[in-house]
C-alpha atoms as a PDB file:
ATOM      1  CA  MET A   1      18.589 -49.855 -27.799  1.00  0.00           C
ATOM      2  CA  ALA A   2      22.180 -48.112 -28.172  1.00  0.00           C
ATOM      3  CA  LEU A   3      24.301 -46.917 -30.886  1.00  0.00           C
ATOM      4  CA  PRO A   4      25.799 -43.453 -30.229  1.00  0.00           C
ATOM      5  CA  ALA A   5      29.460 -43.688 -28.877  1.00  0.00           C
ATOM      6  CA  ASP A   6      28.591 -42.098 -25.484  1.00  0.00           C
ATOM      7  CA  GLY A   7      26.269 -45.045 -24.810  1.00  0.00           C
ATOM      8  CA  THR A   8      22.996 -42.982 -24.954  1.00  0.00           C
ATOM      9  CA  LYS A   9      20.015 -45.070 -25.423  1.00  0.00           C
ATOM     10  CA  ILE A  10      18.155 -44.543 -28.624  1.00  0.00           C
ATOM     11  CA  THR A  11      14.610 -43.348 -28.030  1.00  0.00           C
ATOM     12  CA  ARG A  12      13.908 -42.009 -31.577  1.00  0.00           C
ATOM     13  CA  LEU A  13      15.213 -43.427 -35.022  1.00  0.00           C
ATOM     14  CA  ALA A  14      14.717 -42.175 -38.591  1.00  0.00           C
ATOM     15  CA  LEU A  15      14.268 -45.262 -41.004  1.00  0.00           C
ATOM     16  CA  ILE A  16      14.676 -44.409 -44.779  1.00  0.00           C
ATOM     17  CA  GLY A  17      13.585 -46.793 -47.456  1.00  0.00           C
ATOM     18  CA  ASN A  18      10.521 -47.887 -49.474  1.00  0.00           C
ATOM     19  CA  PHE A  19       7.441 -48.717 -47.593  1.00  0.00           C
ATOM     20  CA  LEU A  20       4.204 -50.224 -48.155  1.00  0.00           C
ATOM     21  CA  PRO A  21       1.633 -49.770 -49.907  1.00  0.00           C
ATOM     22  CA  ARG A  22       4.418 -49.299 -52.588  1.00  0.00           C
ATOM     23  CA  ARG A  23       4.733 -52.855 -54.113  1.00  0.00           C
ATOM     24  CA  CYS A  24       8.375 -53.903 -54.226  1.00  0.00           C
ATOM     25  CA  GLY A  25      10.877 -56.128 -52.115  1.00  0.00           C
ATOM     26  CA  ILE A  26      12.438 -53.410 -50.273  1.00  0.00           C
ATOM     27  CA  ALA A  27       9.101 -51.863 -49.250  1.00  0.00           C
ATOM     28  CA  THR A  28       8.039 -55.166 -47.919  1.00  0.00           C
ATOM     29  CA  TYR A  29      11.218 -55.580 -46.082  1.00  0.00           C
ATOM     30  CA  THR A  30      11.314 -52.084 -44.485  1.00  0.00           C
ATOM     31  CA  THR A  31       7.746 -52.543 -43.449  1.00  0.00           C
ATOM     32  CA  ASP A  32       8.517 -55.703 -41.876  1.00  0.00           C
ATOM     33  CA  VAL A  33      11.569 -54.213 -40.061  1.00  0.00           C
ATOM     34  CA  PHE A  34       9.478 -51.365 -38.704  1.00  0.00           C
ATOM     35  CA  THR A  35       7.134 -53.920 -37.366  1.00  0.00           C
ATOM     36  CA  ALA A  36       9.498 -55.980 -35.748  1.00  0.00           C
ATOM     37  CA  MET A  37      11.472 -52.856 -34.175  1.00  0.00           C
ATOM     38  CA  ARG A  38       8.138 -51.748 -32.700  1.00  0.00           C
ATOM     39  CA  ALA A  39       7.376 -54.983 -31.253  1.00  0.00           C
ATOM     40  CA  ARG A  40      10.987 -55.536 -29.929  1.00  0.00           C
ATOM     41  CA  PHE A  41      11.632 -52.045 -28.741  1.00  0.00           C
ATOM     42  CA  PRO A  42       8.318 -50.367 -28.018  1.00  0.00           C
ATOM     43  CA  GLU A  43      10.097 -47.634 -26.161  1.00  0.00           C
ATOM     44  CA  VAL A  44      11.681 -46.384 -29.360  1.00  0.00           C
ATOM     45  CA  ALA A  45       9.783 -44.157 -31.736  1.00  0.00           C
ATOM     46  CA  VAL A  46      10.624 -45.034 -35.387  1.00  0.00           C
ATOM     47  CA  ASP A  47      10.014 -42.367 -37.928  1.00  0.00           C
ATOM     48  CA  VAL A  48       9.668 -43.601 -41.484  1.00  0.00           C
ATOM     49  CA  TYR A  49      10.770 -41.492 -44.435  1.00  0.00           C
ATOM     50  CA  ALA A  50       9.543 -43.282 -47.507  1.00  0.00           C
ATOM     51  CA  MET A  51      11.236 -43.049 -50.912  1.00  0.00           C
ATOM     52  CA  ASP A  52       8.683 -42.220 -53.493  1.00  0.00           C
ATOM     53  CA  ASP A  53       8.821 -43.064 -57.066  1.00  0.00           C
ATOM     54  CA  HIS A  54       5.196 -41.662 -57.915  1.00  0.00           C
ATOM     55  CA  PRO A  55       4.536 -38.743 -55.607  1.00  0.00           C
ATOM     56  CA  GLY A  56       0.901 -38.530 -54.583  1.00  0.00           C
ATOM     57  CA  LEU A  57       0.090 -42.120 -55.767  1.00  0.00           C
ATOM     58  CA  TYR A  58       0.516 -43.936 -52.565  1.00  0.00           C
ATOM     59  CA  GLU A  59      -1.666 -43.761 -49.350  1.00  0.00           C
ATOM     60  CA  TYR A  60       0.897 -44.182 -46.630  1.00  0.00           C
ATOM     61  CA  PRO A  61       0.094 -45.126 -43.192  1.00  0.00           C
ATOM     62  CA  PRO A  62       0.533 -42.650 -40.322  1.00  0.00           C
ATOM     63  CA  GLU A  63       3.933 -44.112 -39.312  1.00  0.00           C
ATOM     64  CA  VAL A  64       5.432 -42.497 -42.574  1.00  0.00           C
ATOM     65  CA  VAL A  65       6.283 -38.971 -41.293  1.00  0.00           C
ATOM     66  CA  GLY A  66       7.668 -37.874 -44.551  1.00  0.00           C
ATOM     67  CA  THR A  67       8.143 -38.769 -48.239  1.00  0.00           C
ATOM     68  CA  ILE A  68      11.181 -38.207 -50.399  1.00  0.00           C
ATOM     69  CA  PRO A  69      10.466 -37.972 -54.167  1.00  0.00           C
ATOM     70  CA  GLU A  70      13.491 -40.047 -55.476  1.00  0.00           C
ATOM     71  CA  THR A  71      14.431 -37.703 -58.283  1.00  0.00           C
ATOM     72  CA  ASP A  72      14.041 -34.414 -56.470  1.00  0.00           C
ATOM     73  CA  LEU A  73      17.491 -33.579 -54.770  1.00  0.00           C
ATOM     74  CA  THR A  74      15.993 -30.681 -52.920  1.00  0.00           C
ATOM     75  CA  ALA A  75      13.499 -33.189 -51.117  1.00  0.00           C
ATOM     76  CA  TYR A  76      16.718 -35.087 -49.850  1.00  0.00           C
ATOM     77  CA  LEU A  77      18.020 -31.914 -48.333  1.00  0.00           C
ATOM     78  CA  ASP A  78      14.680 -31.087 -46.681  1.00  0.00           C
ATOM     79  CA  ALA A  79      14.411 -34.566 -45.343  1.00  0.00           C
ATOM     80  CA  ALA A  80      17.816 -34.158 -43.740  1.00  0.00           C
ATOM     81  CA  ARG A  81      16.727 -31.019 -41.991  1.00  0.00           C
ATOM     82  CA  LYS A  82      13.416 -32.556 -41.004  1.00  0.00           C
ATOM     83  CA  ILE A  83      15.194 -35.516 -39.504  1.00  0.00           C
ATOM     84  CA  ASP A  84      17.691 -33.363 -37.544  1.00  0.00           C
ATOM     85  CA  ALA A  85      14.737 -31.251 -36.169  1.00  0.00           C
ATOM     86  CA  SER A  86      12.756 -34.232 -35.235  1.00  0.00           C
ATOM     87  CA  GLY A  87      15.076 -35.393 -32.324  1.00  0.00           C
ATOM     88  CA  ALA A  88      16.000 -38.659 -34.104  1.00  0.00           C
ATOM     89  CA  GLN A  89      19.310 -39.854 -32.718  1.00  0.00           C
ATOM     90  CA  ALA A  90      20.312 -42.195 -35.483  1.00  0.00           C
ATOM     91  CA  ILE A  91      19.410 -42.960 -39.093  1.00  0.00           C
ATOM     92  CA  TRP A  92      18.796 -46.409 -40.418  1.00  0.00           C
ATOM     93  CA  VAL A  93      18.962 -46.632 -44.365  1.00  0.00           C
ATOM     94  CA  GLN A  94      17.637 -49.457 -46.466  1.00  0.00           C
ATOM     95  CA  HIS A  95      20.049 -49.325 -49.442  1.00  0.00           C
ATOM     96  CA  GLU A  96      19.389 -50.479 -52.913  1.00  0.00           C
ATOM     97  CA  TYR A  97      20.960 -48.519 -55.817  1.00  0.00           C
ATOM     98  CA  GLY A  98      17.664 -48.152 -57.844  1.00  0.00           C
ATOM     99  CA  ILE A  99      15.608 -46.611 -55.233  1.00  0.00           C
ATOM    100  CA  TYR A 100      17.566 -43.387 -54.802  1.00  0.00           C
ATOM    101  CA  GLY A 101      17.942 -40.481 -57.386  1.00  0.00           C
ATOM    102  CA  GLY A 102      21.311 -39.250 -59.003  1.00  0.00           C
ATOM    103  CA  PRO A 103      24.072 -41.352 -60.616  1.00  0.00           C
ATOM    104  CA  ALA A 104      23.957 -44.729 -58.870  1.00  0.00           C
ATOM    105  CA  GLY A 105      21.600 -43.316 -56.330  1.00  0.00           C
ATOM    106  CA  ASP A 106      24.069 -40.737 -54.934  1.00  0.00           C
ATOM    107  CA  TYR A 107      21.427 -38.303 -53.988  1.00  0.00           C
ATOM    108  CA  LEU A 108      21.234 -40.318 -50.607  1.00  0.00           C
ATOM    109  CA  LEU A 109      24.843 -39.345 -49.978  1.00  0.00           C
ATOM    110  CA  ALA A 110      23.587 -35.606 -50.185  1.00  0.00           C
ATOM    111  CA  LEU A 111      21.050 -36.305 -47.369  1.00  0.00           C
ATOM    112  CA  LEU A 112      23.517 -38.202 -45.019  1.00  0.00           C
ATOM    113  CA  ASP A 113      26.137 -35.578 -45.604  1.00  0.00           C
ATOM    114  CA  ARG A 114      23.718 -32.827 -44.393  1.00  0.00           C
ATOM    115  CA  THR A 115      23.307 -34.457 -40.952  1.00  0.00           C
ATOM    116  CA  THR A 116      25.863 -35.496 -38.248  1.00  0.00           C
ATOM    117  CA  LEU A 117      23.697 -38.253 -36.813  1.00  0.00           C
ATOM    118  CA  PRO A 118      24.999 -41.883 -36.513  1.00  0.00           C
ATOM    119  CA  VAL A 119      24.026 -43.832 -39.681  1.00  0.00           C
ATOM    120  CA  VAL A 120      23.398 -47.602 -40.087  1.00  0.00           C
ATOM    121  CA  VAL A 121      22.950 -48.980 -43.500  1.00  0.00           C
ATOM    122  CA  ALA A 122      21.356 -52.223 -44.630  1.00  0.00           C
ATOM    123  CA  LEU A 123      22.946 -53.225 -47.808  1.00  0.00           C
ATOM    124  CA  HIS A 124      20.520 -55.129 -50.038  1.00  0.00           C
ATOM    125  CA  THR A 125      22.873 -55.144 -53.140  1.00  0.00           C
ATOM    126  CA  ILE A 126      26.729 -55.515 -52.838  1.00  0.00           C
ATOM    127  CA  LEU A 127      28.344 -55.414 -56.336  1.00  0.00           C
ATOM    128  CA  GLU A 128      31.507 -57.458 -56.909  1.00  0.00           C
ATOM    129  CA  ARG A 129      32.164 -55.453 -60.197  1.00  0.00           C
ATOM    130  CA  PRO A 130      30.735 -51.955 -59.608  1.00  0.00           C
ATOM    131  CA  ASN A 131      30.965 -49.194 -62.289  1.00  0.00           C
ATOM    132  CA  PRO A 132      32.684 -46.061 -61.107  1.00  0.00           C
ATOM    133  CA  ASP A 133      29.573 -44.422 -59.861  1.00  0.00           C
ATOM    134  CA  GLU A 134      28.476 -47.517 -58.100  1.00  0.00           C
ATOM    135  CA  ARG A 135      31.888 -47.688 -56.388  1.00  0.00           C
ATOM    136  CA  ARG A 136      31.831 -43.991 -55.580  1.00  0.00           C
ATOM    137  CA  VAL A 137      28.377 -44.373 -53.965  1.00  0.00           C
ATOM    138  CA  MET A 138      29.276 -47.428 -51.928  1.00  0.00           C
ATOM    139  CA  GLU A 139      32.598 -46.052 -50.636  1.00  0.00           C
ATOM    140  CA  GLY A 140      30.538 -42.839 -49.714  1.00  0.00           C
ATOM    141  CA  LEU A 141      28.207 -45.010 -47.543  1.00  0.00           C
ATOM    142  CA  LEU A 142      31.276 -46.933 -45.992  1.00  0.00           C
ATOM    143  CA  ARG A 143      32.819 -43.575 -45.021  1.00  0.00           C
ATOM    144  CA  ARG A 144      29.469 -42.218 -43.482  1.00  0.00           C
ATOM    145  CA  ALA A 145      27.992 -45.315 -41.862  1.00  0.00           C
ATOM    146  CA  ALA A 146      28.894 -46.258 -38.234  1.00  0.00           C
ATOM    147  CA  ARG A 147      27.654 -49.728 -39.175  1.00  0.00           C
ATOM    148  CA  VAL A 148      26.769 -51.659 -42.341  1.00  0.00           C
ATOM    149  CA  ILE A 149      24.351 -54.676 -42.229  1.00  0.00           C
ATOM    150  CA  VAL A 150      25.027 -57.452 -44.697  1.00  0.00           C
ATOM    151  CA  MET A 151      22.655 -60.451 -44.906  1.00  0.00           C
ATOM    152  CA  ALA A 152      25.116 -63.098 -45.887  1.00  0.00           C
ATOM    153  CA  GLU A 153      28.841 -63.661 -45.359  1.00  0.00           C
ATOM    154  CA  ARG A 154      29.463 -63.352 -48.859  1.00  0.00           C
ATOM    155  CA  GLY A 155      28.484 -59.683 -48.567  1.00  0.00           C
ATOM    156  CA  ARG A 156      30.997 -59.321 -45.769  1.00  0.00           C
ATOM    157  CA  ASP A 157      33.664 -60.793 -47.962  1.00  0.00           C
ATOM    158  CA  ILE A 158      32.997 -58.458 -50.938  1.00  0.00           C
ATOM    159  CA  LEU A 159      32.991 -55.457 -48.853  1.00  0.00           C
ATOM    160  CA  GLN A 160      36.364 -56.085 -47.295  1.00  0.00           C
ATOM    161  CA  ARG A 161      37.913 -57.397 -50.568  1.00  0.00           C
ATOM    162  CA  VAL A 162      36.463 -54.948 -53.115  1.00  0.00           C
ATOM    163  CA  TYR A 163      35.823 -51.939 -51.094  1.00  0.00           C
ATOM    164  CA  GLY A 164      38.299 -52.181 -48.356  1.00  0.00           C
ATOM    165  CA  ALA A 165      35.777 -51.992 -45.501  1.00  0.00           C
ATOM    166  CA  SER A 166      36.714 -52.435 -41.936  1.00  0.00           C
ATOM    167  CA  PRO A 167      35.803 -55.777 -40.491  1.00  0.00           C
ATOM    168  CA  ARG A 168      34.623 -53.929 -37.275  1.00  0.00           C
ATOM    169  CA  GLN A 169      32.122 -51.922 -39.326  1.00  0.00           C
ATOM    170  CA  ILE A 170      30.284 -54.842 -40.811  1.00  0.00           C
ATOM    171  CA  VAL A 171      27.539 -56.750 -38.997  1.00  0.00           C
ATOM    172  CA  MET A 172      25.960 -59.844 -40.605  1.00  0.00           C
ATOM    173  CA  ILE A 173      22.141 -60.116 -39.934  1.00  0.00           C
ATOM    174  CA  PRO A 174      20.310 -62.733 -42.023  1.00  0.00           C
ATOM    175  CA  HIS A 175      17.398 -61.610 -44.128  1.00  0.00           C
ATOM    176  CA  GLY A 176      14.756 -63.181 -42.106  1.00  0.00           C
ATOM    177  CA  VAL A 177      11.040 -63.604 -42.738  1.00  0.00           C
ATOM    178  CA  PRO A 178       7.945 -62.553 -40.889  1.00  0.00           C
ATOM    179  CA  ASP A 179       6.632 -65.280 -38.297  1.00  0.00           C
ATOM    180  CA  ARG A 180       3.529 -66.612 -39.715  1.00  0.00           C
ATOM    181  CA  ASP A 181       1.215 -69.675 -38.539  1.00  0.00           C
ATOM    182  CA  LEU A 182       1.931 -72.809 -40.476  1.00  0.00           C
ATOM    183  CA  VAL A 183      -0.696 -73.643 -43.076  1.00  0.00           C
ATOM    184  CA  GLU A 184      -0.925 -77.001 -44.881  1.00  0.00           C
ATOM    185  CA  PRO A 185       0.158 -76.672 -48.532  1.00  0.00           C
ATOM    186  CA  ASP A 186      -2.974 -78.536 -49.754  1.00  0.00           C
ATOM    187  CA  THR A 187      -5.302 -75.820 -48.195  1.00  0.00           C
ATOM    188  CA  LEU A 188      -3.488 -73.137 -50.270  1.00  0.00           C
ATOM    189  CA  LYS A 189      -3.228 -75.121 -53.333  1.00  0.00           C
ATOM    190  CA  ALA A 190      -7.145 -75.556 -53.288  1.00  0.00           C
ATOM    191  CA  GLN A 191      -7.517 -71.759 -53.169  1.00  0.00           C
ATOM    192  CA  PHE A 192      -5.771 -71.463 -56.601  1.00  0.00           C
ATOM    193  CA  GLY A 193      -7.206 -74.749 -58.134  1.00  0.00           C
ATOM    194  CA  TRP A 194      -3.928 -76.539 -57.901  1.00  0.00           C
ATOM    195  CA  GLU A 195      -5.241 -79.683 -55.877  1.00  0.00           C
ATOM    196  CA  GLY A 196      -3.260 -82.859 -56.463  1.00  0.00           C
ATOM    197  CA  ARG A 197      -0.424 -80.971 -58.403  1.00  0.00           C
ATOM    198  CA  LYS A 198       3.203 -80.341 -57.431  1.00  0.00           C
ATOM    199  CA  VAL A 199       4.256 -76.621 -57.157  1.00  0.00           C
ATOM    200  CA  VAL A 200       7.582 -75.234 -57.553  1.00  0.00           C
ATOM    201  CA  LEU A 201       7.864 -71.704 -55.776  1.00  0.00           C
ATOM    202  CA  THR A 202      10.562 -68.922 -55.790  1.00  0.00           C
ATOM    203  CA  PHE A 203      11.006 -65.886 -53.840  1.00  0.00           C
ATOM    204  CA  GLY A 204      11.983 -62.373 -54.396  1.00  0.00           C
ATOM    205  CA  LEU A 205      11.746 -60.378 -57.591  1.00  0.00           C
ATOM    206  CA  LEU A 206      12.264 -61.846 -61.049  1.00  0.00           C
ATOM    207  CA  ALA A 207      15.429 -60.755 -62.784  1.00  0.00           C
ATOM    208  CA  PRO A 208      17.444 -62.162 -65.621  1.00  0.00           C
ATOM    209  CA  ASN A 209      20.384 -63.152 -63.234  1.00  0.00           C
ATOM    210  CA  LYS A 210      18.267 -65.539 -61.185  1.00  0.00           C
ATOM    211  CA  GLY A 211      18.244 -68.627 -63.344  1.00  0.00           C
ATOM    212  CA  ILE A 212      14.395 -68.804 -63.656  1.00  0.00           C
ATOM    213  CA  GLU A 213      14.844 -69.677 -67.450  1.00  0.00           C
ATOM    214  CA  THR A 214      17.039 -72.461 -66.706  1.00  0.00           C
ATOM    215  CA  VAL A 215      14.707 -73.994 -64.293  1.00  0.00           C
ATOM    216  CA  ILE A 216      11.699 -73.572 -66.858  1.00  0.00           C
ATOM    217  CA  GLU A 217      13.817 -75.288 -69.635  1.00  0.00           C
ATOM    218  CA  ALA A 218      14.801 -78.136 -67.302  1.00  0.00           C
ATOM    219  CA  LEU A 219      11.361 -78.931 -65.812  1.00  0.00           C
ATOM    220  CA  PRO A 220      10.242 -81.170 -68.757  1.00  0.00           C
ATOM    221  CA  ALA A 221      13.179 -83.450 -68.249  1.00  0.00           C
ATOM    222  CA  VAL A 222      12.626 -83.469 -64.477  1.00  0.00           C
ATOM    223  CA  ILE A 223       8.958 -84.339 -64.931  1.00  0.00           C
ATOM    224  CA  GLU A 224       9.877 -87.287 -67.187  1.00  0.00           C
ATOM    225  CA  ARG A 225      11.981 -88.942 -64.448  1.00  0.00           C
END
């Protein structure tokens, strides 16, 4: 696994983001990424630095070598020093505005600016109409990152059009899902007492802009047909 400009292979990576047992989409994603990295590149040590919204609440697994209380700026600077001292050769950040402290999560920039290591940022939210703080943070990430990962071509378009990002800096990697054994739907329905019923599923977190209310309002008419 190589990222540094001199072609040196990475043997230790710092991974920053939420992590299970914290229950949120970013935590699940970061944990899945860690598991996949360990399977694909067993020779690479991946040190997890977990963003912490309730310090002391979670019992993190051993792979979490450090936690960063999200509202404690000093903890970000301490984490930067710890990462530098760890022998890590690159930092991989899972970015979502709401999981970092400061205006629009700008405490993360303080951490990244305290280290000279190459940075890769996976962008989970790319705003087409950012407010001034959100724009400042995204532009700061783009200045600092060697590569940014988007999960759809739409994200690539917004980064170039709205933020002036270089096309060479952007890599598109689809979100993906963990590989699980196929299970017959009827088997799972029985566990919830839904035998013989049609079930509509959605994925991800609930939010006002996802159109869930529209689906609920439309269902009676759909069922009548």
